[in-house]
Amino acid sequence: MIDSKGNRQKLLTIRNNQRGITGLETAIVLIAFVVVSSVFAFAALSTGMFSSDKARETVTAGLAQTRATMELKGSVIGTATVTGSAGSMTTVNFHVTQSAGGADVDLTPGTTVIKYTDKVQSVLFGSSAGFTVAGIGGADTDKLLERNEVYKVELISLDSGYNSTGVDTLQAALGTNKTFTLEVIPTKGAVVHIERTTPIFMDAINFLN
């Protein structure tokens, strides 16, 4: 058995051997927590800023695509050198203007292309050999469709040089009573879609409305 004196000595020994946390150790632990929290906070903020920047770029690009639009202004007119029920179109022209609130559109042939489609053919007009662009009225000659400008776009020589290349020249004549579509495709902005049907009797000048 251990006497009471021995028990007291044992308790005193255990109590004397206990070690507490000093102020310096507490400060080190707190600093470590602050540093780790700062690193995580910086990483989270950096990720958030990166995501926000990418989202902003996406929205900006989408707005640019939406704003850079044009619209048809006036009638679509087709001309023919051979008239009558067996006639065919020589040229097709129309006018475009900038839509309300839209941005500038480069109409230079090759930068902007026109896709022609009917039941028997699909042709891409992609150079000045296939279509021309000219400013009307107060428009300048830089082929850049700007605010308050109107440009005339004309597909040319539709009744000559038919071939199977599908570029700048029709593969078959655009004759009477034929439905066709034109897609004016700029590098930036919405596509202008035009669908018309030729008359059953071809005149020299035809309003395709």
N, C-alpha and C. Protein backbone atom coordinates (compact mmCIF):
# COMPACT_ATOMS: atom_id res chain seq x y z
N MET A 1 0.83 -1.19 0.00
CA MET A 1 0.00 0.00 0.00
C MET A 1 0.86 1.24 0.00
N ILE A 2 0.33 2.27 -0.58
CA ILE A 2 1.06 3.55 -0.63
C ILE A 2 0.40 4.48 0.36
N ASP A 3 1.21 5.09 1.19
CA ASP A 3 0.63 5.96 2.21
C ASP A 3 0.19 7.27 1.58
N SER A 4 -0.43 8.02 2.45
CA SER A 4 -0.96 9.28 1.95
C SER A 4 0.16 10.22 1.53
N LYS A 5 1.29 10.13 2.21
CA LYS A 5 2.40 10.98 1.83
C LYS A 5 2.92 10.63 0.44
N GLY A 6 2.97 9.31 0.16
CA GLY A 6 3.41 8.88 -1.17
C GLY A 6 2.44 9.34 -2.24
N ASN A 7 1.17 9.27 -1.97
CA ASN A 7 0.16 9.74 -2.93
C ASN A 7 0.33 11.22 -3.21
N ARG A 8 0.57 12.01 -2.19
CA ARG A 8 0.75 13.45 -2.37
C ARG A 8 1.99 13.74 -3.22
N GLN A 9 3.05 12.97 -2.97
CA GLN A 9 4.26 13.18 -3.77
C GLN A 9 4.03 12.84 -5.24
N LYS A 10 3.25 11.76 -5.48
CA LYS A 10 2.97 11.36 -6.86
C LYS A 10 2.14 12.41 -7.58
N LEU A 11 1.12 12.93 -6.88
CA LEU A 11 0.29 13.97 -7.48
C LEU A 11 1.08 15.22 -7.78
N LEU A 12 1.97 15.58 -6.87
CA LEU A 12 2.79 16.76 -7.09
C LEU A 12 3.71 16.57 -8.29
N THR A 13 4.24 15.34 -8.44
CA THR A 13 5.12 15.06 -9.59
C THR A 13 4.36 15.20 -10.91
N ILE A 14 3.13 14.63 -10.97
CA ILE A 14 2.32 14.72 -12.19
C ILE A 14 1.98 16.15 -12.51
N ARG A 15 1.62 16.92 -11.42
CA ARG A 15 1.23 18.32 -11.63
C ARG A 15 2.43 19.13 -12.10
N ASN A 16 3.60 18.86 -11.56
CA ASN A 16 4.79 19.62 -11.96
C ASN A 16 5.22 19.30 -13.38
N ASN A 17 4.89 18.10 -13.88
CA ASN A 17 5.30 17.71 -15.23
C ASN A 17 4.34 18.21 -16.32
N GLN A 18 3.16 18.76 -16.00
CA GLN A 18 2.22 19.28 -17.01
C GLN A 18 2.80 20.54 -17.64
N ARG A 19 2.63 20.63 -19.01
CA ARG A 19 3.16 21.78 -19.74
C ARG A 19 2.00 22.51 -20.44
N GLY A 20 1.96 23.79 -20.32
CA GLY A 20 0.93 24.60 -20.97
C GLY A 20 1.43 25.20 -22.28
N ILE A 21 0.54 25.84 -23.01
CA ILE A 21 0.89 26.51 -24.27
C ILE A 21 1.30 27.93 -23.97
N THR A 22 2.48 28.30 -24.43
CA THR A 22 2.98 29.65 -24.16
C THR A 22 2.36 30.64 -25.14
N GLY A 23 2.55 31.91 -24.84
CA GLY A 23 2.03 32.96 -25.72
C GLY A 23 2.67 32.92 -27.10
N LEU A 24 3.96 32.60 -27.18
CA LEU A 24 4.66 32.52 -28.45
C LEU A 24 4.09 31.43 -29.34
N GLU A 25 3.84 30.25 -28.73
CA GLU A 25 3.27 29.15 -29.51
C GLU A 25 1.88 29.51 -30.01
N THR A 26 1.10 30.17 -29.17
CA THR A 26 -0.24 30.60 -29.60
C THR A 26 -0.16 31.55 -30.80
N ALA A 27 0.78 32.46 -30.72
CA ALA A 27 0.95 33.42 -31.82
C ALA A 27 1.35 32.71 -33.10
N ILE A 28 2.23 31.72 -33.01
CA ILE A 28 2.66 30.98 -34.20
C ILE A 28 1.49 30.25 -34.83
N VAL A 29 0.67 29.61 -34.00
CA VAL A 29 -0.50 28.89 -34.52
C VAL A 29 -1.46 29.84 -35.22
N LEU A 30 -1.72 30.99 -34.58
CA LEU A 30 -2.64 31.97 -35.18
C LEU A 30 -2.10 32.50 -36.50
N ILE A 31 -0.78 32.78 -36.52
CA ILE A 31 -0.17 33.27 -37.77
C ILE A 31 -0.30 32.22 -38.87
N ALA A 32 -0.10 30.94 -38.51
CA ALA A 32 -0.22 29.86 -39.49
C ALA A 32 -1.64 29.82 -40.06
N PHE A 33 -2.64 29.94 -39.18
CA PHE A 33 -4.03 29.95 -39.64
C PHE A 33 -4.30 31.12 -40.57
N VAL A 34 -3.78 32.29 -40.20
CA VAL A 34 -3.99 33.49 -41.02
C VAL A 34 -3.36 33.31 -42.40
N VAL A 35 -2.12 32.77 -42.44
CA VAL A 35 -1.44 32.58 -43.72
C VAL A 35 -2.19 31.60 -44.61
N VAL A 36 -2.60 30.46 -44.01
CA VAL A 36 -3.34 29.45 -44.79
C VAL A 36 -4.65 30.03 -45.29
N SER A 37 -5.37 30.78 -44.44
CA SER A 37 -6.64 31.38 -44.86
C SER A 37 -6.42 32.39 -45.97
N SER A 38 -5.35 33.16 -45.87
CA SER A 38 -5.04 34.15 -46.91
C SER A 38 -4.78 33.47 -48.25
N VAL A 39 -4.02 32.38 -48.21
CA VAL A 39 -3.72 31.65 -49.45
C VAL A 39 -4.99 31.13 -50.10
N PHE A 40 -5.86 30.51 -49.28
CA PHE A 40 -7.11 30.00 -49.82
C PHE A 40 -7.99 31.13 -50.35
N ALA A 41 -8.03 32.25 -49.61
CA ALA A 41 -8.85 33.38 -50.05
C ALA A 41 -8.33 33.94 -51.37
N PHE A 42 -6.99 34.05 -51.50
CA PHE A 42 -6.41 34.55 -52.74
C PHE A 42 -6.72 33.62 -53.91
N ALA A 43 -6.62 32.30 -53.66
CA ALA A 43 -6.93 31.32 -54.71
C ALA A 43 -8.39 31.43 -55.13
N ALA A 44 -9.28 31.57 -54.15
CA ALA A 44 -10.71 31.67 -54.46
C ALA A 44 -11.01 32.94 -55.23
N LEU A 45 -10.42 34.07 -54.81
CA LEU A 45 -10.65 35.33 -55.51
C LEU A 45 -10.08 35.29 -56.92
N SER A 46 -8.89 34.70 -57.06
CA SER A 46 -8.29 34.61 -58.40
C SER A 46 -9.15 33.78 -59.33
N THR A 47 -9.66 32.66 -58.83
CA THR A 47 -10.54 31.81 -59.65
C THR A 47 -11.81 32.55 -60.03
N GLY A 48 -12.37 33.27 -59.05
CA GLY A 48 -13.59 34.02 -59.33
C GLY A 48 -13.37 35.12 -60.35
N MET A 49 -12.25 35.83 -60.23
CA MET A 49 -11.95 36.90 -61.19
C MET A 49 -11.70 36.34 -62.57
N PHE A 50 -11.01 35.19 -62.65
CA PHE A 50 -10.77 34.56 -63.95
C PHE A 50 -12.09 34.15 -64.60
N SER A 51 -12.98 33.54 -63.81
CA SER A 51 -14.28 33.12 -64.34
C SER A 51 -15.10 34.32 -64.79
N SER A 52 -15.07 35.39 -64.00
CA SER A 52 -15.81 36.60 -64.35
C SER A 52 -15.28 37.21 -65.63
N ASP A 53 -13.95 37.20 -65.79
CA ASP A 53 -13.34 37.77 -66.99
C ASP A 53 -13.72 36.97 -68.22
N LYS A 54 -13.71 35.63 -68.10
CA LYS A 54 -14.11 34.80 -69.22
C LYS A 54 -15.58 35.01 -69.57
N ALA A 55 -16.41 35.14 -68.53
CA ALA A 55 -17.83 35.39 -68.77
C ALA A 55 -18.04 36.74 -69.47
N ARG A 56 -17.26 37.74 -69.03
CA ARG A 56 -17.36 39.06 -69.67
C ARG A 56 -16.96 38.99 -71.14
N GLU A 57 -15.87 38.26 -71.43
CA GLU A 57 -15.44 38.13 -72.82
C GLU A 57 -16.51 37.44 -73.67
N THR A 58 -17.13 36.41 -73.10
CA THR A 58 -18.18 35.70 -73.83
C THR A 58 -19.37 36.61 -74.12
N VAL A 59 -19.78 37.36 -73.10
CA VAL A 59 -20.91 38.28 -73.27
C VAL A 59 -20.57 39.36 -74.29
N THR A 60 -19.35 39.90 -74.21
CA THR A 60 -18.94 40.94 -75.14
C THR A 60 -18.94 40.43 -76.58
N ALA A 61 -18.41 39.20 -76.77
CA ALA A 61 -18.40 38.62 -78.12
C ALA A 61 -19.81 38.38 -78.63
N GLY A 62 -20.69 37.92 -77.73
CA GLY A 62 -22.08 37.71 -78.13
C GLY A 62 -22.77 39.00 -78.51
N LEU A 63 -22.51 40.07 -77.75
CA LEU A 63 -23.10 41.36 -78.07
C LEU A 63 -22.57 41.89 -79.39
N ALA A 64 -21.28 41.67 -79.64
CA ALA A 64 -20.71 42.12 -80.92
C ALA A 64 -21.37 41.41 -82.08
N GLN A 65 -21.60 40.11 -81.94
CA GLN A 65 -22.25 39.36 -83.00
C GLN A 65 -23.68 39.83 -83.21
N THR A 66 -24.35 40.19 -82.13
CA THR A 66 -25.74 40.63 -82.23
C THR A 66 -25.84 42.03 -82.79
N ARG A 67 -24.94 42.92 -82.36
CA ARG A 67 -25.01 44.31 -82.77
C ARG A 67 -24.60 44.51 -84.22
N ALA A 68 -23.66 43.72 -84.70
CA ALA A 68 -23.15 43.92 -86.05
C ALA A 68 -24.11 43.31 -87.05
N THR A 69 -25.29 43.87 -87.18
CA THR A 69 -26.31 43.32 -88.06
C THR A 69 -26.75 44.35 -89.08
N MET A 70 -27.31 43.86 -90.16
CA MET A 70 -27.85 44.71 -91.20
C MET A 70 -29.22 44.16 -91.60
N GLU A 71 -29.95 44.94 -92.36
CA GLU A 71 -31.28 44.53 -92.77
C GLU A 71 -31.54 44.96 -94.21
N LEU A 72 -32.47 44.26 -94.81
CA LEU A 72 -32.85 44.55 -96.19
C LEU A 72 -33.63 45.86 -96.22
N LYS A 73 -33.35 46.67 -97.21
CA LYS A 73 -34.06 47.95 -97.36
C LYS A 73 -34.57 48.08 -98.79
N GLY A 74 -35.87 48.05 -98.94
CA GLY A 74 -36.45 48.17 -100.27
C GLY A 74 -36.68 46.82 -100.93
N SER A 75 -36.84 46.86 -102.23
CA SER A 75 -37.21 45.68 -103.01
C SER A 75 -35.98 44.91 -103.49
N VAL A 76 -36.24 43.65 -103.81
CA VAL A 76 -35.24 42.83 -104.52
C VAL A 76 -35.61 42.90 -106.00
N ILE A 77 -34.65 43.27 -106.83
CA ILE A 77 -34.92 43.50 -108.25
C ILE A 77 -34.05 42.58 -109.10
N GLY A 78 -34.68 41.92 -110.04
CA GLY A 78 -33.95 41.07 -110.98
C GLY A 78 -34.08 41.61 -112.39
N THR A 79 -33.01 41.54 -113.15
CA THR A 79 -33.03 41.98 -114.54
C THR A 79 -32.83 40.78 -115.46
N ALA A 80 -33.34 40.91 -116.67
CA ALA A 80 -33.23 39.81 -117.64
C ALA A 80 -32.99 40.38 -119.02
N THR A 81 -32.10 39.75 -119.78
CA THR A 81 -31.89 40.14 -121.17
C THR A 81 -32.80 39.34 -122.10
N VAL A 82 -33.14 38.13 -121.68
CA VAL A 82 -34.10 37.30 -122.42
C VAL A 82 -35.40 37.31 -121.62
N THR A 83 -36.45 37.83 -122.21
CA THR A 83 -37.72 37.95 -121.51
C THR A 83 -38.69 36.86 -121.96
N GLY A 84 -39.88 36.87 -121.34
CA GLY A 84 -40.90 35.90 -121.70
C GLY A 84 -40.91 34.71 -120.75
N SER A 85 -41.70 33.70 -121.11
CA SER A 85 -41.84 32.52 -120.25
C SER A 85 -40.57 31.66 -120.24
N ALA A 86 -39.67 31.87 -121.20
CA ALA A 86 -38.42 31.11 -121.24
C ALA A 86 -37.23 31.97 -120.83
N GLY A 87 -37.50 33.12 -120.24
CA GLY A 87 -36.43 34.03 -119.87
C GLY A 87 -35.68 33.57 -118.61
N SER A 88 -34.57 34.22 -118.34
CA SER A 88 -33.77 33.91 -117.14
C SER A 88 -33.14 35.19 -116.63
N MET A 89 -32.85 35.20 -115.34
CA MET A 89 -32.29 36.37 -114.70
C MET A 89 -30.83 36.58 -115.10
N THR A 90 -30.50 37.85 -115.31
CA THR A 90 -29.12 38.23 -115.57
C THR A 90 -28.45 38.73 -114.30
N THR A 91 -29.17 39.55 -113.55
CA THR A 91 -28.65 40.07 -112.27
C THR A 91 -29.77 40.06 -111.23
N VAL A 92 -29.38 40.03 -109.98
CA VAL A 92 -30.31 40.22 -108.86
C VAL A 92 -29.65 41.21 -107.91
N ASN A 93 -30.38 42.28 -107.57
CA ASN A 93 -29.79 43.26 -106.67
C ASN A 93 -30.76 43.65 -105.57
N PHE A 94 -30.20 44.12 -104.48
CA PHE A 94 -30.99 44.57 -103.33
C PHE A 94 -30.15 45.56 -102.54
N HIS A 95 -30.79 46.24 -101.59
CA HIS A 95 -30.12 47.24 -100.79
C HIS A 95 -30.14 46.83 -99.32
N VAL A 96 -29.06 47.11 -98.62
CA VAL A 96 -28.97 46.80 -97.20
C VAL A 96 -28.58 48.07 -96.44
N THR A 97 -29.02 48.13 -95.20
CA THR A 97 -28.67 49.22 -94.31
C THR A 97 -28.39 48.66 -92.93
N GLN A 98 -27.78 49.47 -92.11
CA GLN A 98 -27.47 49.03 -90.76
C GLN A 98 -28.74 49.01 -89.91
N SER A 99 -28.93 47.96 -89.15
CA SER A 99 -30.09 47.88 -88.28
C SER A 99 -29.94 48.85 -87.11
N ALA A 100 -31.04 49.15 -86.45
CA ALA A 100 -31.01 50.11 -85.34
C ALA A 100 -30.09 49.61 -84.24
N GLY A 101 -29.13 50.45 -83.87
CA GLY A 101 -28.19 50.08 -82.82
C GLY A 101 -27.11 49.11 -83.25
N GLY A 102 -27.05 48.80 -84.54
CA GLY A 102 -26.07 47.83 -85.02
C GLY A 102 -24.69 48.44 -85.15
N ALA A 103 -23.71 47.57 -85.31
CA ALA A 103 -22.32 47.99 -85.51
C ALA A 103 -22.00 47.95 -87.00
N ASP A 104 -20.82 48.41 -87.36
CA ASP A 104 -20.41 48.46 -88.76
C ASP A 104 -20.21 47.05 -89.31
N VAL A 105 -20.50 46.89 -90.61
CA VAL A 105 -20.34 45.60 -91.27
C VAL A 105 -19.52 45.79 -92.53
N ASP A 106 -18.47 44.99 -92.68
CA ASP A 106 -17.61 45.05 -93.87
C ASP A 106 -18.25 44.23 -94.98
N LEU A 107 -18.67 44.90 -96.05
CA LEU A 107 -19.34 44.23 -97.17
C LEU A 107 -18.40 43.90 -98.31
N THR A 108 -17.12 44.05 -98.12
CA THR A 108 -16.17 43.75 -99.19
C THR A 108 -16.34 42.31 -99.67
N PRO A 109 -16.51 42.09 -100.99
CA PRO A 109 -16.62 40.71 -101.49
C PRO A 109 -15.41 39.88 -101.07
N GLY A 110 -15.66 38.73 -100.50
CA GLY A 110 -14.61 37.89 -99.94
C GLY A 110 -14.62 37.96 -98.44
N THR A 111 -14.80 39.17 -97.89
CA THR A 111 -15.00 39.31 -96.45
C THR A 111 -16.44 38.94 -96.11
N THR A 112 -17.36 39.50 -96.88
CA THR A 112 -18.76 39.05 -96.84
C THR A 112 -19.00 38.16 -98.05
N VAL A 113 -19.71 37.08 -97.86
CA VAL A 113 -20.04 36.17 -98.96
C VAL A 113 -21.56 36.03 -99.05
N ILE A 114 -22.01 35.61 -100.23
CA ILE A 114 -23.45 35.40 -100.45
C ILE A 114 -23.66 33.96 -100.92
N LYS A 115 -24.53 33.26 -100.24
CA LYS A 115 -24.84 31.89 -100.61
C LYS A 115 -26.19 31.85 -101.32
N TYR A 116 -26.17 31.37 -102.55
CA TYR A 116 -27.39 31.21 -103.36
C TYR A 116 -27.82 29.74 -103.33
N THR A 117 -29.12 29.51 -103.13
CA THR A 117 -29.62 28.13 -103.09
C THR A 117 -30.99 28.06 -103.74
N ASP A 118 -31.17 27.06 -104.59
CA ASP A 118 -32.51 26.69 -105.08
C ASP A 118 -32.61 25.17 -105.08
N LYS A 119 -33.60 24.62 -105.73
CA LYS A 119 -33.83 23.18 -105.65
C LYS A 119 -32.76 22.35 -106.34
N VAL A 120 -32.01 22.95 -107.26
CA VAL A 120 -31.06 22.16 -108.04
C VAL A 120 -29.61 22.55 -107.83
N GLN A 121 -29.36 23.63 -107.06
CA GLN A 121 -27.97 24.07 -106.94
C GLN A 121 -27.76 24.91 -105.68
N SER A 122 -26.52 24.93 -105.24
CA SER A 122 -26.11 25.78 -104.14
C SER A 122 -24.76 26.39 -104.51
N VAL A 123 -24.72 27.71 -104.62
CA VAL A 123 -23.54 28.39 -105.14
C VAL A 123 -23.09 29.44 -104.13
N LEU A 124 -21.78 29.54 -103.94
CA LEU A 124 -21.21 30.53 -103.05
C LEU A 124 -20.60 31.66 -103.88
N PHE A 125 -21.12 32.86 -103.70
CA PHE A 125 -20.55 34.05 -104.35
C PHE A 125 -19.61 34.70 -103.34
N GLY A 126 -18.31 34.55 -103.59
CA GLY A 126 -17.34 34.97 -102.59
C GLY A 126 -16.30 35.96 -103.07
N SER A 127 -16.50 36.56 -104.23
CA SER A 127 -15.52 37.53 -104.72
C SER A 127 -16.23 38.53 -105.62
N SER A 128 -15.49 39.53 -106.08
CA SER A 128 -16.06 40.55 -106.95
C SER A 128 -16.43 40.00 -108.32
N ALA A 129 -15.98 38.77 -108.63
CA ALA A 129 -16.40 38.14 -109.88
C ALA A 129 -17.86 37.68 -109.79
N GLY A 130 -18.37 37.52 -108.57
CA GLY A 130 -19.73 37.04 -108.40
C GLY A 130 -20.72 38.11 -108.00
N PHE A 131 -20.27 39.09 -107.23
CA PHE A 131 -21.18 40.18 -106.86
C PHE A 131 -20.41 41.45 -106.60
N THR A 132 -21.12 42.57 -106.74
CA THR A 132 -20.53 43.89 -106.52
C THR A 132 -21.25 44.59 -105.38
N VAL A 133 -20.54 45.54 -104.78
CA VAL A 133 -21.08 46.33 -103.67
C VAL A 133 -20.79 47.80 -103.97
N ALA A 134 -21.82 48.65 -103.85
CA ALA A 134 -21.65 50.07 -104.14
C ALA A 134 -22.48 50.90 -103.18
N GLY A 135 -21.89 51.99 -102.69
CA GLY A 135 -22.61 52.89 -101.80
C GLY A 135 -23.66 53.69 -102.57
N ILE A 136 -24.78 53.97 -101.91
CA ILE A 136 -25.87 54.73 -102.51
C ILE A 136 -26.04 56.04 -101.74
N GLY A 137 -26.30 57.11 -102.47
CA GLY A 137 -26.54 58.39 -101.82
C GLY A 137 -25.29 58.91 -101.13
N GLY A 138 -25.40 59.15 -99.82
CA GLY A 138 -24.29 59.72 -99.07
C GLY A 138 -23.30 58.70 -98.55
N ALA A 139 -23.44 57.45 -98.91
CA ALA A 139 -22.50 56.42 -98.45
C ALA A 139 -21.14 56.61 -99.11
N ASP A 140 -20.07 56.29 -98.37
CA ASP A 140 -18.73 56.41 -98.94
C ASP A 140 -18.40 55.16 -99.75
N THR A 141 -17.16 55.06 -100.18
CA THR A 141 -16.76 53.97 -101.07
C THR A 141 -15.91 52.90 -100.40
N ASP A 142 -15.85 52.89 -99.08
CA ASP A 142 -14.97 51.94 -98.40
C ASP A 142 -15.61 50.56 -98.20
N LYS A 143 -16.86 50.40 -98.65
CA LYS A 143 -17.60 49.14 -98.53
C LYS A 143 -17.83 48.73 -97.07
N LEU A 144 -17.71 49.68 -96.17
CA LEU A 144 -18.00 49.43 -94.76
C LEU A 144 -19.37 50.04 -94.46
N LEU A 145 -20.34 49.18 -94.21
CA LEU A 145 -21.70 49.63 -93.94
C LEU A 145 -21.75 50.27 -92.56
N GLU A 146 -21.95 51.58 -92.55
CA GLU A 146 -21.97 52.33 -91.31
C GLU A 146 -23.34 52.96 -91.10
N ARG A 147 -23.47 53.66 -89.99
CA ARG A 147 -24.75 54.28 -89.64
C ARG A 147 -25.19 55.26 -90.72
N ASN A 148 -26.47 55.22 -91.05
CA ASN A 148 -27.10 56.11 -92.04
C ASN A 148 -26.56 55.90 -93.45
N GLU A 149 -26.00 54.73 -93.71
CA GLU A 149 -25.55 54.41 -95.07
C GLU A 149 -26.40 53.30 -95.67
N VAL A 150 -26.50 53.34 -97.01
CA VAL A 150 -27.21 52.29 -97.76
C VAL A 150 -26.27 51.80 -98.85
N TYR A 151 -26.16 50.49 -98.96
CA TYR A 151 -25.32 49.90 -100.00
C TYR A 151 -26.15 49.00 -100.92
N LYS A 152 -25.81 49.06 -102.19
CA LYS A 152 -26.44 48.19 -103.18
C LYS A 152 -25.56 46.97 -103.40
N VAL A 153 -26.15 45.80 -103.25
CA VAL A 153 -25.44 44.54 -103.47
C VAL A 153 -26.06 43.89 -104.70
N GLU A 154 -25.24 43.49 -105.66
CA GLU A 154 -25.76 42.95 -106.92
C GLU A 154 -25.01 41.69 -107.34
N LEU A 155 -25.76 40.60 -107.50
CA LEU A 155 -25.21 39.39 -108.10
C LEU A 155 -25.20 39.59 -109.60
N ILE A 156 -24.06 39.33 -110.23
CA ILE A 156 -23.89 39.68 -111.64
C ILE A 156 -23.69 38.44 -112.50
N SER A 157 -23.93 38.62 -113.81
CA SER A 157 -23.66 37.60 -114.84
C SER A 157 -24.25 36.24 -114.47
N LEU A 158 -25.51 36.26 -114.03
CA LEU A 158 -26.14 35.00 -113.62
C LEU A 158 -26.51 34.11 -114.80
N ASP A 159 -26.60 34.69 -116.00
CA ASP A 159 -27.04 33.92 -117.16
C ASP A 159 -25.90 33.53 -118.09
N SER A 160 -24.66 33.63 -117.61
CA SER A 160 -23.54 33.29 -118.50
C SER A 160 -22.52 32.46 -117.73
N GLY A 161 -21.84 31.61 -118.46
CA GLY A 161 -20.76 30.84 -117.87
C GLY A 161 -21.20 29.82 -116.86
N TYR A 162 -22.34 29.16 -117.10
CA TYR A 162 -22.79 28.13 -116.17
C TYR A 162 -21.73 27.05 -116.05
N ASN A 163 -21.41 26.65 -114.84
CA ASN A 163 -20.46 25.56 -114.64
C ASN A 163 -20.78 24.86 -113.33
N SER A 164 -20.01 23.82 -113.05
CA SER A 164 -20.30 22.98 -111.88
C SER A 164 -19.40 23.29 -110.68
N THR A 165 -18.67 24.39 -110.74
CA THR A 165 -17.76 24.70 -109.63
C THR A 165 -18.50 25.10 -108.37
N GLY A 166 -19.65 25.71 -108.52
CA GLY A 166 -20.40 26.15 -107.36
C GLY A 166 -19.81 27.37 -106.69
N VAL A 167 -19.01 28.15 -107.45
CA VAL A 167 -18.39 29.36 -106.92
C VAL A 167 -18.55 30.49 -107.93
N ASP A 168 -19.20 31.58 -107.52
CA ASP A 168 -19.32 32.82 -108.29
C ASP A 168 -20.11 32.69 -109.59
N THR A 169 -20.56 31.52 -109.94
CA THR A 169 -21.33 31.34 -111.17
C THR A 169 -22.40 30.27 -110.95
N LEU A 170 -23.61 30.54 -111.41
CA LEU A 170 -24.67 29.55 -111.26
C LEU A 170 -24.36 28.30 -112.06
N GLN A 171 -24.88 27.18 -111.58
CA GLN A 171 -24.72 25.91 -112.30
C GLN A 171 -25.86 25.70 -113.29
N ALA A 172 -26.97 26.39 -113.07
CA ALA A 172 -28.12 26.32 -113.97
C ALA A 172 -28.82 27.66 -113.94
N ALA A 173 -29.54 27.98 -115.01
CA ALA A 173 -30.17 29.29 -115.14
C ALA A 173 -31.23 29.52 -114.07
N LEU A 174 -31.35 30.77 -113.66
CA LEU A 174 -32.42 31.18 -112.76
C LEU A 174 -33.59 31.61 -113.63
N GLY A 175 -34.42 30.63 -113.96
CA GLY A 175 -35.52 30.87 -114.89
C GLY A 175 -36.80 31.32 -114.22
N THR A 176 -37.89 31.18 -114.95
CA THR A 176 -39.19 31.64 -114.45
C THR A 176 -39.76 30.69 -113.40
N ASN A 177 -40.58 31.28 -112.52
CA ASN A 177 -41.30 30.54 -111.48
C ASN A 177 -40.37 29.62 -110.67
N LYS A 178 -39.27 30.18 -110.25
CA LYS A 178 -38.30 29.40 -109.46
C LYS A 178 -38.05 30.12 -108.13
N THR A 179 -38.18 29.38 -107.04
CA THR A 179 -37.92 29.93 -105.72
C THR A 179 -36.45 29.75 -105.38
N PHE A 180 -35.85 30.81 -104.87
CA PHE A 180 -34.44 30.76 -104.50
C PHE A 180 -34.24 31.54 -103.20
N THR A 181 -33.13 31.26 -102.53
CA THR A 181 -32.79 31.99 -101.31
C THR A 181 -31.38 32.55 -101.42
N LEU A 182 -31.20 33.70 -100.81
CA LEU A 182 -29.88 34.33 -100.71
C LEU A 182 -29.57 34.53 -99.24
N GLU A 183 -28.37 34.15 -98.83
CA GLU A 183 -27.90 34.37 -97.47
C GLU A 183 -26.67 35.26 -97.53
N VAL A 184 -26.81 36.47 -97.03
CA VAL A 184 -25.68 37.41 -96.98
C VAL A 184 -24.95 37.15 -95.65
N ILE A 185 -23.73 36.66 -95.75
CA ILE A 185 -23.01 36.16 -94.58
C ILE A 185 -21.78 37.02 -94.33
N PRO A 186 -21.84 37.94 -93.37
CA PRO A 186 -20.65 38.72 -93.01
C PRO A 186 -19.77 37.95 -92.05
N THR A 187 -18.54 38.39 -91.87
CA THR A 187 -17.65 37.72 -90.92
C THR A 187 -18.10 37.95 -89.49
N LYS A 188 -18.79 39.06 -89.23
CA LYS A 188 -19.27 39.36 -87.89
C LYS A 188 -20.69 39.87 -87.98
N GLY A 189 -21.58 39.25 -87.25
CA GLY A 189 -22.97 39.70 -87.27
C GLY A 189 -23.91 38.64 -87.80
N ALA A 190 -25.19 38.96 -87.75
CA ALA A 190 -26.22 38.01 -88.15
C ALA A 190 -26.30 37.89 -89.68
N VAL A 191 -26.76 36.75 -90.12
CA VAL A 191 -26.94 36.48 -91.55
C VAL A 191 -28.27 37.09 -92.01
N VAL A 192 -28.24 37.76 -93.16
CA VAL A 192 -29.46 38.30 -93.76
C VAL A 192 -30.00 37.25 -94.73
N HIS A 193 -31.23 36.80 -94.45
CA HIS A 193 -31.85 35.74 -95.25
C HIS A 193 -32.90 36.36 -96.17
N ILE A 194 -32.78 36.08 -97.46
CA ILE A 194 -33.73 36.60 -98.46
C ILE A 194 -34.26 35.43 -99.27
N GLU A 195 -35.58 35.30 -99.34
CA GLU A 195 -36.21 34.25 -100.17
C GLU A 195 -37.19 34.90 -101.13
N ARG A 196 -37.07 34.58 -102.41
CA ARG A 196 -37.93 35.16 -103.43
C ARG A 196 -38.27 34.10 -104.49
N THR A 197 -39.30 34.40 -105.27
CA THR A 197 -39.70 33.54 -106.39
C THR A 197 -39.76 34.37 -107.65
N THR A 198 -39.16 33.88 -108.72
CA THR A 198 -39.16 34.62 -109.98
C THR A 198 -40.56 34.56 -110.61
N PRO A 199 -40.90 35.53 -111.44
CA PRO A 199 -42.24 35.55 -112.06
C PRO A 199 -42.38 34.46 -113.13
N ILE A 200 -43.62 34.18 -113.48
CA ILE A 200 -43.87 33.18 -114.52
C ILE A 200 -43.62 33.75 -115.92
N PHE A 201 -43.54 35.08 -116.00
CA PHE A 201 -43.22 35.76 -117.27
C PHE A 201 -42.14 36.78 -116.96
N MET A 202 -40.98 36.62 -117.58
CA MET A 202 -39.83 37.44 -117.26
C MET A 202 -39.87 38.75 -118.05
N ASP A 203 -39.81 39.87 -117.32
CA ASP A 203 -39.67 41.18 -117.93
C ASP A 203 -38.21 41.61 -117.86
N ALA A 204 -37.92 42.73 -118.49
CA ALA A 204 -36.55 43.24 -118.43
C ALA A 204 -36.20 43.65 -117.00
N ILE A 205 -37.16 44.24 -116.30
CA ILE A 205 -36.98 44.60 -114.88
C ILE A 205 -38.08 43.91 -114.08
N ASN A 206 -37.70 43.17 -113.03
CA ASN A 206 -38.67 42.38 -112.27
C ASN A 206 -38.52 42.69 -110.78
N PHE A 207 -39.64 43.10 -110.19
CA PHE A 207 -39.65 43.32 -108.73
C PHE A 207 -40.00 42.01 -108.05
N LEU A 208 -39.06 41.48 -107.29
CA LEU A 208 -39.26 40.18 -106.64
C LEU A 208 -39.70 40.40 -105.20
N ASN A 209 -40.98 40.67 -105.03
CA ASN A 209 -41.51 40.96 -103.70
C ASN A 209 -42.47 39.87 -103.23
